[in-house]
Amino acid sequence: MASEPARFRGAIMEVGPIPPSGGPFRKRYLDRNGRESLRVAEEEYATVRELLGSRAASMPMVHAPLVGSSFEVRRAIQNKKRSAWNTFRNAIDSATRDEIEPHIRRSESAAVAALNYLEDHELADVAHNAIHRSAFIRRGLFGCPITLRDDALWTECAFEMSHIRLGLSAGLLSEFECSVCGQPVEDCDHTMGETYDKVVVQDEAGKCSHCGSTDCEHAVGAVYPIRAYADARIVRTHEVSIVNRPRYPQSRFTAVTIEQSQLGDARFRVAAQLGRLNCDQCLGPCGGFSVAPPQNTGVTAR
């Protein structure tokens, strides 16, 4: 099968205020959000171990060191860990697995977010370790499906995506409104970043003017403090670039195609159609961070 260029899917923006572009404000923004994401990752992981109880002591352990240079060695470790997880998973009842799943997925998601915030921070290694630890359990207990879509094999493995240290930067044409008064920012008198009092109202859809939710504790007519920021209301995307450090830290790849010529067996496509094809990257050491798509993806059909 001829090699085809990799295809990607990704997120180009985040909901909320536009992150600072640089300087001390950017540094504080990354530090604060990164530490909070790490806290969530740690708490959710601790909850998983609590749910396992005494069985956590016999759970397979993440391989150390986390980084291995040889694909063949990494693949051998993946195979060994997969076998260990098969044995452990069979000893865990379905009710416990159902309780664990949302917590370990939140732990992994938060750990990936932490690395995206902290990749130039002294806590980057802590975030990297948290990704390996949570992804290892998520894969061991719940798999990591590779799907066949648009005649291509796709993986959404958060572990794998997190090791591609590239992001997406959108070129936008936008109209910005002040979060306090709703007027175009160039026409209002509020200073961006300052805090003002604002009376809560609801729009026709029942959304709160303070938080945008339809189910919150903000009382209509009450006054709450709100920080003034430029809220993009009309956004047009005219180009998207791949960059090393996206302004929105979570603007990253969310899925990538696997080069099928490397799989060498049409049965893998059948396994993917049946939901039996899994990524194994999360089970062993990584090859380190990369600024290019991975060239070798460990997969297993069951």
C-alpha atoms as a PDB file:
ATOM      1  CA  MET A   1       0.000   0.000   0.000  1.00  0.00           C
ATOM      2  CA  ALA A   2       1.412   3.362  -0.998  1.00  0.00           C
ATOM      3  CA  SER A   3       2.324   5.750   1.753  1.00  0.00           C
ATOM      4  CA  GLU A   4      -0.036   8.702   2.149  1.00  0.00           C
ATOM      5  CA  PRO A   5       0.512  11.974   4.013  1.00  0.00           C
ATOM      6  CA  ALA A   6      -0.742  11.899   7.574  1.00  0.00           C
ATOM      7  CA  ARG A   7      -4.069  13.546   8.251  1.00  0.00           C
ATOM      8  CA  PHE A   8      -4.892  15.341  11.469  1.00  0.00           C
ATOM      9  CA  ARG A   9      -7.807  16.704  13.417  1.00  0.00           C
ATOM     10  CA  GLY A  10      -7.323  19.295  16.115  1.00  0.00           C
ATOM     11  CA  ALA A  11      -8.691  22.153  18.196  1.00  0.00           C
ATOM     12  CA  ILE A  12      -7.770  25.685  17.191  1.00  0.00           C
ATOM     13  CA  MET A  13      -9.331  27.730  20.004  1.00  0.00           C
ATOM     14  CA  GLU A  14     -10.540  27.485  23.587  1.00  0.00           C
ATOM     15  CA  VAL A  15     -13.680  28.833  25.182  1.00  0.00           C
ATOM     16  CA  GLY A  16     -13.103  31.893  27.360  1.00  0.00           C
ATOM     17  CA  PRO A  17     -10.856  34.952  27.463  1.00  0.00           C
ATOM     18  CA  ILE A  18      -7.978  35.157  24.989  1.00  0.00           C
ATOM     19  CA  PRO A  19      -4.742  34.064  26.728  1.00  0.00           C
ATOM     20  CA  PRO A  20      -2.019  36.689  27.170  1.00  0.00           C
ATOM     21  CA  SER A  21       0.385  36.657  24.234  1.00  0.00           C
ATOM     22  CA  GLY A  22       3.605  37.005  26.229  1.00  0.00           C
ATOM     23  CA  GLY A  23       5.460  38.636  29.088  1.00  0.00           C
ATOM     24  CA  PRO A  24       4.775  38.217  32.828  1.00  0.00           C
ATOM     25  CA  PHE A  25       1.001  37.922  32.324  1.00  0.00           C
ATOM     26  CA  ARG A  26       1.519  34.958  30.006  1.00  0.00           C
ATOM     27  CA  LYS A  27       3.921  33.350  32.454  1.00  0.00           C
ATOM     28  CA  ARG A  28       1.461  33.685  35.338  1.00  0.00           C
ATOM     29  CA  TYR A  29      -1.394  32.403  33.183  1.00  0.00           C
ATOM     30  CA  LEU A  30       0.533  29.255  32.225  1.00  0.00           C
ATOM     31  CA  ASP A  31       1.790  28.647  35.754  1.00  0.00           C
ATOM     32  CA  ARG A  32      -1.600  29.061  37.409  1.00  0.00           C
ATOM     33  CA  ASN A  33      -3.517  26.905  34.937  1.00  0.00           C
ATOM     34  CA  GLY A  34      -0.772  24.303  34.745  1.00  0.00           C
ATOM     35  CA  ARG A  35      -0.664  23.836  38.499  1.00  0.00           C
ATOM     36  CA  GLU A  36      -4.442  23.585  38.670  1.00  0.00           C
ATOM     37  CA  SER A  37      -4.466  20.945  35.924  1.00  0.00           C
ATOM     38  CA  LEU A  38      -1.807  18.967  37.782  1.00  0.00           C
ATOM     39  CA  ARG A  39      -3.885  19.150  40.953  1.00  0.00           C
ATOM     40  CA  VAL A  40      -6.899  17.700  39.145  1.00  0.00           C
ATOM     41  CA  ALA A  41      -4.770  14.956  37.553  1.00  0.00           C
ATOM     42  CA  GLU A  42      -3.372  13.968  40.957  1.00  0.00           C
ATOM     43  CA  GLU A  43      -6.750  13.980  42.712  1.00  0.00           C
ATOM     44  CA  GLU A  44      -8.462  11.905  40.038  1.00  0.00           C
ATOM     45  CA  TYR A  45      -5.593   9.406  40.013  1.00  0.00           C
ATOM     46  CA  ALA A  46      -5.813   9.122  43.811  1.00  0.00           C
ATOM     47  CA  THR A  47      -9.542   8.451  43.495  1.00  0.00           C
ATOM     48  CA  VAL A  48      -8.836   5.576  41.098  1.00  0.00           C
ATOM     49  CA  ARG A  49      -6.492   3.957  43.589  1.00  0.00           C
ATOM     50  CA  GLU A  50      -9.072   4.404  46.344  1.00  0.00           C
ATOM     51  CA  LEU A  51     -11.699   2.676  44.207  1.00  0.00           C
ATOM     52  CA  LEU A  52      -9.318  -0.232  43.595  1.00  0.00           C
ATOM     53  CA  GLY A  53      -8.631  -0.538  47.312  1.00  0.00           C
ATOM     54  CA  SER A  54      -6.214  -3.333  48.216  1.00  0.00           C
ATOM     55  CA  ARG A  55      -6.146  -4.439  44.576  1.00  0.00           C
ATOM     56  CA  ALA A  56      -4.146  -1.310  43.668  1.00  0.00           C
ATOM     57  CA  ALA A  57      -1.060  -2.949  45.154  1.00  0.00           C
ATOM     58  CA  SER A  58      -1.157  -5.695  42.511  1.00  0.00           C
ATOM     59  CA  MET A  59      -1.826  -3.366  39.579  1.00  0.00           C
ATOM     60  CA  PRO A  60       0.808  -3.483  36.788  1.00  0.00           C
ATOM     61  CA  MET A  61       3.462  -0.790  37.202  1.00  0.00           C
ATOM     62  CA  VAL A  62       4.522   1.845  34.706  1.00  0.00           C
ATOM     63  CA  HIS A  63       7.859   0.952  33.145  1.00  0.00           C
ATOM     64  CA  ALA A  64      10.849   3.041  34.203  1.00  0.00           C
ATOM     65  CA  PRO A  65      12.500   4.941  32.667  1.00  0.00           C
ATOM     66  CA  LEU A  66       9.638   6.674  30.852  1.00  0.00           C
ATOM     67  CA  VAL A  67      11.674   7.283  27.686  1.00  0.00           C
ATOM     68  CA  GLY A  68      13.181   4.539  25.518  1.00  0.00           C
ATOM     69  CA  SER A  69      15.096   5.144  22.319  1.00  0.00           C
ATOM     70  CA  SER A  70      14.508   1.829  20.551  1.00  0.00           C
ATOM     71  CA  PHE A  71      11.124   1.084  18.988  1.00  0.00           C
ATOM     72  CA  GLU A  72      11.774  -2.654  19.229  1.00  0.00           C
ATOM     73  CA  VAL A  73      12.478  -2.431  22.969  1.00  0.00           C
ATOM     74  CA  ARG A  74       9.418  -0.248  23.531  1.00  0.00           C
ATOM     75  CA  ARG A  75       7.272  -2.719  21.605  1.00  0.00           C
ATOM     76  CA  ALA A  76       8.517  -5.658  23.666  1.00  0.00           C
ATOM     77  CA  ILE A  77       7.619  -3.777  26.861  1.00  0.00           C
ATOM     78  CA  GLN A  78       4.172  -2.939  25.483  1.00  0.00           C
ATOM     79  CA  ASN A  79       3.510  -6.619  24.814  1.00  0.00           C
ATOM     80  CA  LYS A  80       4.596  -7.605  28.307  1.00  0.00           C
ATOM     81  CA  LYS A  81       2.483  -4.916  29.977  1.00  0.00           C
ATOM     82  CA  ARG A  82      -0.553  -5.769  27.841  1.00  0.00           C
ATOM     83  CA  SER A  83      -0.411  -9.348  29.058  1.00  0.00           C
ATOM     84  CA  ALA A  84      -0.131  -8.183  32.676  1.00  0.00           C
ATOM     85  CA  TRP A  85      -3.118  -5.871  32.250  1.00  0.00           C
ATOM     86  CA  ASN A  86      -5.223  -8.636  30.689  1.00  0.00           C
ATOM     87  CA  THR A  87      -4.724 -10.685  33.822  1.00  0.00           C
ATOM     88  CA  PHE A  88      -5.380  -7.786  36.189  1.00  0.00           C
ATOM     89  CA  ARG A  89      -8.435  -6.507  34.298  1.00  0.00           C
ATOM     90  CA  ASN A  90     -10.098  -9.908  34.421  1.00  0.00           C
ATOM     91  CA  ALA A  91      -9.920  -9.779  38.217  1.00  0.00           C
ATOM     92  CA  ILE A  92     -11.741  -6.413  38.417  1.00  0.00           C
ATOM     93  CA  ASP A  93     -15.534  -6.530  38.386  1.00  0.00           C
ATOM     94  CA  SER A  94     -17.416  -4.451  35.828  1.00  0.00           C
ATOM     95  CA  ALA A  95     -19.037  -2.228  38.458  1.00  0.00           C
ATOM     96  CA  THR A  96     -15.639  -1.127  39.768  1.00  0.00           C
ATOM     97  CA  ARG A  97     -14.374  -0.523  36.227  1.00  0.00           C
ATOM     98  CA  ASP A  98     -17.428   1.627  35.521  1.00  0.00           C
ATOM     99  CA  GLU A  99     -16.671   3.702  38.623  1.00  0.00           C
ATOM    100  CA  ILE A 100     -13.018   4.080  37.684  1.00  0.00           C
ATOM    101  CA  GLU A 101     -13.422   5.070  34.029  1.00  0.00           C
ATOM    102  CA  PRO A 102     -14.540   8.716  34.336  1.00  0.00           C
ATOM    103  CA  HIS A 103     -11.883   9.414  36.963  1.00  0.00           C
ATOM    104  CA  ILE A 104      -8.947   7.986  35.027  1.00  0.00           C
ATOM    105  CA  ARG A 105     -10.045   9.745  31.847  1.00  0.00           C
ATOM    106  CA  ARG A 106     -10.258  13.057  33.701  1.00  0.00           C
ATOM    107  CA  SER A 107      -6.837  12.392  35.214  1.00  0.00           C
ATOM    108  CA  GLU A 108      -5.306  11.795  31.793  1.00  0.00           C
ATOM    109  CA  SER A 109      -7.042  14.795  30.246  1.00  0.00           C
ATOM    110  CA  ALA A 110      -5.882  17.062  33.061  1.00  0.00           C
ATOM    111  CA  ALA A 111      -2.319  15.726  32.860  1.00  0.00           C
ATOM    112  CA  VAL A 112      -2.185  16.440  29.120  1.00  0.00           C
ATOM    113  CA  ALA A 113      -3.553  19.933  29.729  1.00  0.00           C
ATOM    114  CA  ALA A 114      -0.907  20.463  32.410  1.00  0.00           C
ATOM    115  CA  LEU A 115       1.911  19.608  30.009  1.00  0.00           C
ATOM    116  CA  ASN A 116       0.466  21.968  27.413  1.00  0.00           C
ATOM    117  CA  TYR A 117       0.598  24.761  29.981  1.00  0.00           C
ATOM    118  CA  LEU A 118       3.911  23.771  31.564  1.00  0.00           C
ATOM    119  CA  GLU A 119       6.096  22.489  28.714  1.00  0.00           C
ATOM    120  CA  ASP A 120       8.683  25.238  29.376  1.00  0.00           C
ATOM    121  CA  HIS A 121       8.226  25.063  33.155  1.00  0.00           C
ATOM    122  CA  GLU A 122      10.181  23.282  35.885  1.00  0.00           C
ATOM    123  CA  LEU A 123       7.094  21.095  36.392  1.00  0.00           C
ATOM    124  CA  ALA A 124       7.092  19.776  32.812  1.00  0.00           C
ATOM    125  CA  ASP A 125       8.587  16.429  33.903  1.00  0.00           C
ATOM    126  CA  VAL A 126       5.925  16.078  36.595  1.00  0.00           C
ATOM    127  CA  ALA A 127       3.214  16.584  33.975  1.00  0.00           C
ATOM    128  CA  HIS A 128       4.922  14.113  31.630  1.00  0.00           C
ATOM    129  CA  ASN A 129       4.995  11.503  34.383  1.00  0.00           C
ATOM    130  CA  ALA A 130       1.319  12.137  35.173  1.00  0.00           C
ATOM    131  CA  ILE A 131       0.409  11.488  31.520  1.00  0.00           C
ATOM    132  CA  HIS A 132       2.249   8.160  31.473  1.00  0.00           C
ATOM    133  CA  ARG A 133       0.735   7.079  34.773  1.00  0.00           C
ATOM    134  CA  SER A 134      -2.903   7.846  33.908  1.00  0.00           C
ATOM    135  CA  ALA A 135      -2.719   6.702  30.264  1.00  0.00           C
ATOM    136  CA  PHE A 136      -1.195   3.410  31.418  1.00  0.00           C
ATOM    137  CA  ILE A 137      -4.241   2.632  33.564  1.00  0.00           C
ATOM    138  CA  ARG A 138      -6.740   3.966  31.024  1.00  0.00           C
ATOM    139  CA  ARG A 139      -5.277   1.730  28.292  1.00  0.00           C
ATOM    140  CA  GLY A 140      -4.906  -1.254  30.587  1.00  0.00           C
ATOM    141  CA  LEU A 141      -8.499  -1.228  31.775  1.00  0.00           C
ATOM    142  CA  PHE A 142     -10.391   0.300  28.856  1.00  0.00           C
ATOM    143  CA  GLY A 143      -8.284  -0.032  25.722  1.00  0.00           C
ATOM    144  CA  CYS A 144      -7.287   2.621  23.221  1.00  0.00           C
ATOM    145  CA  PRO A 145      -9.319   2.032  20.050  1.00  0.00           C
ATOM    146  CA  ILE A 146      -8.035   2.642  16.541  1.00  0.00           C
ATOM    147  CA  THR A 147     -10.922   3.255  14.180  1.00  0.00           C
ATOM    148  CA  LEU A 148     -11.424   3.008  10.423  1.00  0.00           C
ATOM    149  CA  ARG A 149     -12.878   6.231   9.063  1.00  0.00           C
ATOM    150  CA  ASP A 150     -12.739   7.782   5.586  1.00  0.00           C
ATOM    151  CA  ASP A 151     -10.702   4.769   4.435  1.00  0.00           C
ATOM    152  CA  ALA A 152      -7.968   5.537   6.972  1.00  0.00           C
ATOM    153  CA  LEU A 153      -6.985   4.223  10.394  1.00  0.00           C
ATOM    154  CA  TRP A 154      -7.313   6.927  13.052  1.00  0.00           C
ATOM    155  CA  THR A 155      -6.054   7.111  16.621  1.00  0.00           C
ATOM    156  CA  GLU A 156      -7.291   9.604  19.205  1.00  0.00           C
ATOM    157  CA  CYS A 157      -4.815   8.381  21.818  1.00  0.00           C
ATOM    158  CA  ALA A 158      -4.285  11.344  24.147  1.00  0.00           C
ATOM    159  CA  PHE A 159      -0.961   9.862  25.226  1.00  0.00           C
ATOM    160  CA  GLU A 160       0.308   9.830  21.647  1.00  0.00           C
ATOM    161  CA  MET A 161      -1.089  13.275  20.827  1.00  0.00           C
ATOM    162  CA  SER A 162       0.566  14.748  23.921  1.00  0.00           C
ATOM    163  CA  HIS A 163       4.005  13.673  22.720  1.00  0.00           C
ATOM    164  CA  ILE A 164       3.641  15.593  19.471  1.00  0.00           C
ATOM    165  CA  ARG A 165       4.744  18.997  20.689  1.00  0.00           C
ATOM    166  CA  LEU A 166       3.017  20.985  18.000  1.00  0.00           C
ATOM    167  CA  GLY A 167      -0.052  23.161  18.175  1.00  0.00           C
ATOM    168  CA  LEU A 168      -2.444  25.026  15.948  1.00  0.00           C
ATOM    169  CA  SER A 169      -2.591  28.769  15.489  1.00  0.00           C
ATOM    170  CA  ALA A 170      -5.545  30.269  13.649  1.00  0.00           C
ATOM    171  CA  GLY A 171      -5.460  33.468  11.669  1.00  0.00           C
ATOM    172  CA  LEU A 172      -8.762  35.119  12.601  1.00  0.00           C
ATOM    173  CA  LEU A 173     -10.832  38.093  11.666  1.00  0.00           C
ATOM    174  CA  SER A 174     -12.870  38.955  14.750  1.00  0.00           C
ATOM    175  CA  GLU A 175     -15.189  41.499  16.292  1.00  0.00           C
ATOM    176  CA  PHE A 176     -14.663  41.858  20.039  1.00  0.00           C
ATOM    177  CA  GLU A 177     -17.180  42.941  22.647  1.00  0.00           C
ATOM    178  CA  CYS A 178     -16.469  44.069  26.184  1.00  0.00           C
ATOM    179  CA  SER A 179     -17.461  41.395  28.695  1.00  0.00           C
ATOM    180  CA  VAL A 180     -18.869  44.062  31.027  1.00  0.00           C
ATOM    181  CA  CYS A 181     -21.047  46.240  28.782  1.00  0.00           C
ATOM    182  CA  GLY A 182     -21.325  44.250  25.565  1.00  0.00           C
ATOM    183  CA  GLN A 183     -20.150  47.149  23.430  1.00  0.00           C
ATOM    184  CA  PRO A 184     -17.324  46.916  20.870  1.00  0.00           C
ATOM    185  CA  VAL A 185     -14.092  47.163  22.869  1.00  0.00           C
ATOM    186  CA  GLU A 186     -12.935  50.149  20.833  1.00  0.00           C
ATOM    187  CA  ASP A 187     -16.101  52.059  21.809  1.00  0.00           C
ATOM    188  CA  CYS A 188     -16.334  51.351  25.565  1.00  0.00           C
ATOM    189  CA  ASP A 189     -14.578  52.935  28.539  1.00  0.00           C
ATOM    190  CA  HIS A 190     -13.747  49.758  30.483  1.00  0.00           C
ATOM    191  CA  THR A 191     -10.096  48.810  30.956  1.00  0.00           C
ATOM    192  CA  MET A 192      -9.369  45.239  29.935  1.00  0.00           C
ATOM    193  CA  GLY A 193      -8.152  43.196  32.898  1.00  0.00           C
ATOM    194  CA  GLU A 194      -9.828  45.398  35.507  1.00  0.00           C
ATOM    195  CA  THR A 195     -12.768  44.189  37.652  1.00  0.00           C
ATOM    196  CA  TYR A 196     -16.192  45.822  37.549  1.00  0.00           C
ATOM    197  CA  ASP A 197     -19.627  45.146  39.051  1.00  0.00           C
ATOM    198  CA  LYS A 198     -22.234  43.752  36.670  1.00  0.00           C
ATOM    199  CA  VAL A 199     -25.949  43.023  37.119  1.00  0.00           C
ATOM    200  CA  VAL A 200     -26.873  39.491  36.086  1.00  0.00           C
ATOM    201  CA  VAL A 201     -29.522  39.017  33.398  1.00  0.00           C
ATOM    202  CA  GLN A 202     -30.608  36.087  31.242  1.00  0.00           C
ATOM    203  CA  ASP A 203     -30.965  36.074  27.483  1.00  0.00           C
ATOM    204  CA  GLU A 204     -33.825  34.496  25.533  1.00  0.00           C
ATOM    205  CA  ALA A 205     -32.105  31.103  25.712  1.00  0.00           C
ATOM    206  CA  GLY A 206     -31.838  31.346  29.501  1.00  0.00           C
ATOM    207  CA  LYS A 207     -28.078  31.866  29.536  1.00  0.00           C
ATOM    208  CA  CYS A 208     -26.564  33.744  32.451  1.00  0.00           C
ATOM    209  CA  SER A 209     -24.818  36.987  31.439  1.00  0.00           C
ATOM    210  CA  HIS A 210     -22.128  36.375  34.056  1.00  0.00           C
ATOM    211  CA  CYS A 211     -21.006  32.820  33.203  1.00  0.00           C
ATOM    212  CA  GLY A 212     -22.927  31.817  30.066  1.00  0.00           C
ATOM    213  CA  SER A 213     -24.518  28.803  31.763  1.00  0.00           C
ATOM    214  CA  THR A 214     -28.200  27.889  31.820  1.00  0.00           C
ATOM    215  CA  ASP A 215     -27.806  26.169  35.188  1.00  0.00           C
ATOM    216  CA  CYS A 216     -25.839  28.218  37.694  1.00  0.00           C
ATOM    217  CA  GLU A 217     -26.123  29.891  41.087  1.00  0.00           C
ATOM    218  CA  HIS A 218     -25.986  33.497  39.835  1.00  0.00           C
ATOM    219  CA  ALA A 219     -29.247  35.239  40.758  1.00  0.00           C
ATOM    220  CA  VAL A 220     -30.887  37.403  38.105  1.00  0.00           C
ATOM    221  CA  GLY A 221     -30.754  41.033  39.214  1.00  0.00           C
ATOM    222  CA  ALA A 222     -27.877  40.472  41.638  1.00  0.00           C
ATOM    223  CA  VAL A 223     -24.552  42.243  41.236  1.00  0.00           C
ATOM    224  CA  TYR A 224     -21.341  40.250  40.827  1.00  0.00           C
ATOM    225  CA  PRO A 225     -17.762  41.316  40.083  1.00  0.00           C
ATOM    226  CA  ILE A 226     -16.550  40.489  36.588  1.00  0.00           C
ATOM    227  CA  ARG A 227     -13.200  41.017  34.891  1.00  0.00           C
ATOM    228  CA  ALA A 228     -13.272  43.011  31.695  1.00  0.00           C
ATOM    229  CA  TYR A 229     -11.972  41.126  28.700  1.00  0.00           C
ATOM    230  CA  ALA A 230     -12.415  41.183  24.931  1.00  0.00           C
ATOM    231  CA  ASP A 231     -15.062  38.607  24.041  1.00  0.00           C
ATOM    232  CA  ALA A 232     -14.895  37.421  20.419  1.00  0.00           C
ATOM    233  CA  ARG A 233     -18.437  37.327  19.056  1.00  0.00           C
ATOM    234  CA  ILE A 234     -17.991  37.130  15.302  1.00  0.00           C
ATOM    235  CA  VAL A 235     -14.979  35.022  14.315  1.00  0.00           C
ATOM    236  CA  ARG A 236     -13.877  34.125  10.811  1.00  0.00           C
ATOM    237  CA  THR A 237     -10.948  31.769  10.276  1.00  0.00           C
ATOM    238  CA  HIS A 238      -8.898  32.469   7.160  1.00  0.00           C
ATOM    239  CA  GLU A 239      -5.877  30.223   7.827  1.00  0.00           C
ATOM    240  CA  VAL A 240      -4.473  27.746  10.360  1.00  0.00           C
ATOM    241  CA  SER A 241      -0.752  27.309  10.980  1.00  0.00           C
ATOM    242  CA  ILE A 242       1.157  24.539  12.778  1.00  0.00           C
ATOM    243  CA  VAL A 243       3.364  26.105  15.452  1.00  0.00           C
ATOM    244  CA  ASN A 244       5.538  25.025  18.380  1.00  0.00           C
ATOM    245  CA  ARG A 245       3.884  27.220  21.016  1.00  0.00           C
ATOM    246  CA  PRO A 246       0.226  28.015  20.238  1.00  0.00           C
ATOM    247  CA  ARG A 247      -1.276  31.053  21.938  1.00  0.00           C
ATOM    248  CA  TYR A 248      -4.108  28.832  23.136  1.00  0.00           C
ATOM    249  CA  PRO A 249      -2.104  26.125  24.974  1.00  0.00           C
ATOM    250  CA  GLN A 250      -4.773  23.468  24.407  1.00  0.00           C
ATOM    251  CA  SER A 251      -4.976  24.074  20.654  1.00  0.00           C
ATOM    252  CA  ARG A 252      -3.429  20.745  19.755  1.00  0.00           C
ATOM    253  CA  PHE A 253      -3.910  17.712  17.556  1.00  0.00           C
ATOM    254  CA  THR A 254      -6.716  15.471  18.762  1.00  0.00           C
ATOM    255  CA  ALA A 255      -6.426  12.657  16.194  1.00  0.00           C
ATOM    256  CA  VAL A 256      -3.935  11.436  13.605  1.00  0.00           C
ATOM    257  CA  THR A 257      -3.971   8.788  10.894  1.00  0.00           C
ATOM    258  CA  ILE A 258      -1.663   5.784  11.075  1.00  0.00           C
ATOM    259  CA  GLU A 259       0.462   4.959   8.044  1.00  0.00           C
ATOM    260  CA  GLN A 260      -1.202   1.737   6.971  1.00  0.00           C
ATOM    261  CA  SER A 261       1.777   0.499   4.953  1.00  0.00           C
ATOM    262  CA  GLN A 262       3.565  -0.023   8.279  1.00  0.00           C
ATOM    263  CA  LEU A 263       0.852  -2.377   9.487  1.00  0.00           C
ATOM    264  CA  GLY A 264       1.483  -4.779   6.616  1.00  0.00           C
ATOM    265  CA  ASP A 265      -1.690  -6.811   7.104  1.00  0.00           C
ATOM    266  CA  ALA A 266      -5.199  -6.122   5.798  1.00  0.00           C
ATOM    267  CA  ARG A 267      -6.591  -7.924   8.840  1.00  0.00           C
ATOM    268  CA  PHE A 268      -5.813  -4.846  10.892  1.00  0.00           C
ATOM    269  CA  ARG A 269      -8.420  -2.934   8.872  1.00  0.00           C
ATOM    270  CA  VAL A 270     -10.980  -5.641   9.582  1.00  0.00           C
ATOM    271  CA  ALA A 271     -10.108  -5.570  13.291  1.00  0.00           C
ATOM    272  CA  ALA A 272     -10.602  -1.791  13.308  1.00  0.00           C
ATOM    273  CA  GLN A 273     -14.032  -2.157  11.710  1.00  0.00           C
ATOM    274  CA  LEU A 274     -14.981  -4.642  14.417  1.00  0.00           C
ATOM    275  CA  GLY A 275     -13.674  -2.404  17.220  1.00  0.00           C
ATOM    276  CA  ARG A 276     -10.867  -4.803  18.066  1.00  0.00           C
ATOM    277  CA  LEU A 277      -7.811  -2.741  17.112  1.00  0.00           C
ATOM    278  CA  ASN A 278      -5.990  -0.926  19.894  1.00  0.00           C
ATOM    279  CA  CYS A 279      -3.073   1.449  20.221  1.00  0.00           C
ATOM    280  CA  ASP A 280      -0.418   0.130  22.612  1.00  0.00           C
ATOM    281  CA  GLN A 281       1.749   3.248  22.889  1.00  0.00           C
ATOM    282  CA  CYS A 282       0.304   4.053  26.317  1.00  0.00           C
ATOM    283  CA  LEU A 283       1.540   0.747  27.767  1.00  0.00           C
ATOM    284  CA  GLY A 284       5.279   1.367  27.586  1.00  0.00           C
ATOM    285  CA  PRO A 285       7.956   4.019  27.506  1.00  0.00           C
ATOM    286  CA  CYS A 286       7.688   6.750  24.897  1.00  0.00           C
ATOM    287  CA  GLY A 287      10.275   7.779  22.351  1.00  0.00           C
ATOM    288  CA  GLY A 288      10.463  11.258  23.832  1.00  0.00           C
ATOM    289  CA  PHE A 289       8.755  14.375  22.549  1.00  0.00           C
ATOM    290  CA  SER A 290       8.596  15.092  18.844  1.00  0.00           C
ATOM    291  CA  VAL A 291       7.760  17.986  16.543  1.00  0.00           C
ATOM    292  CA  ALA A 292       6.638  15.553  13.842  1.00  0.00           C
ATOM    293  CA  PRO A 293       3.985  12.808  13.664  1.00  0.00           C
ATOM    294  CA  PRO A 294       5.148   9.450  15.083  1.00  0.00           C
ATOM    295  CA  GLN A 295       6.608   7.058  12.540  1.00  0.00           C
ATOM    296  CA  ASN A 296       5.926   3.800  14.375  1.00  0.00           C
ATOM    297  CA  THR A 297       2.661   3.168  16.211  1.00  0.00           C
ATOM    298  CA  GLY A 298       2.347  -0.018  18.249  1.00  0.00           C
ATOM    299  CA  VAL A 299      -1.032  -1.643  17.617  1.00  0.00           C
ATOM    300  CA  THR A 300      -2.695  -4.847  18.693  1.00  0.00           C
ATOM    301  CA  ALA A 301      -5.701  -6.676  17.235  1.00  0.00           C
ATOM    302  CA  ARG A 302      -7.744  -8.802  19.577  1.00  0.00           C
END
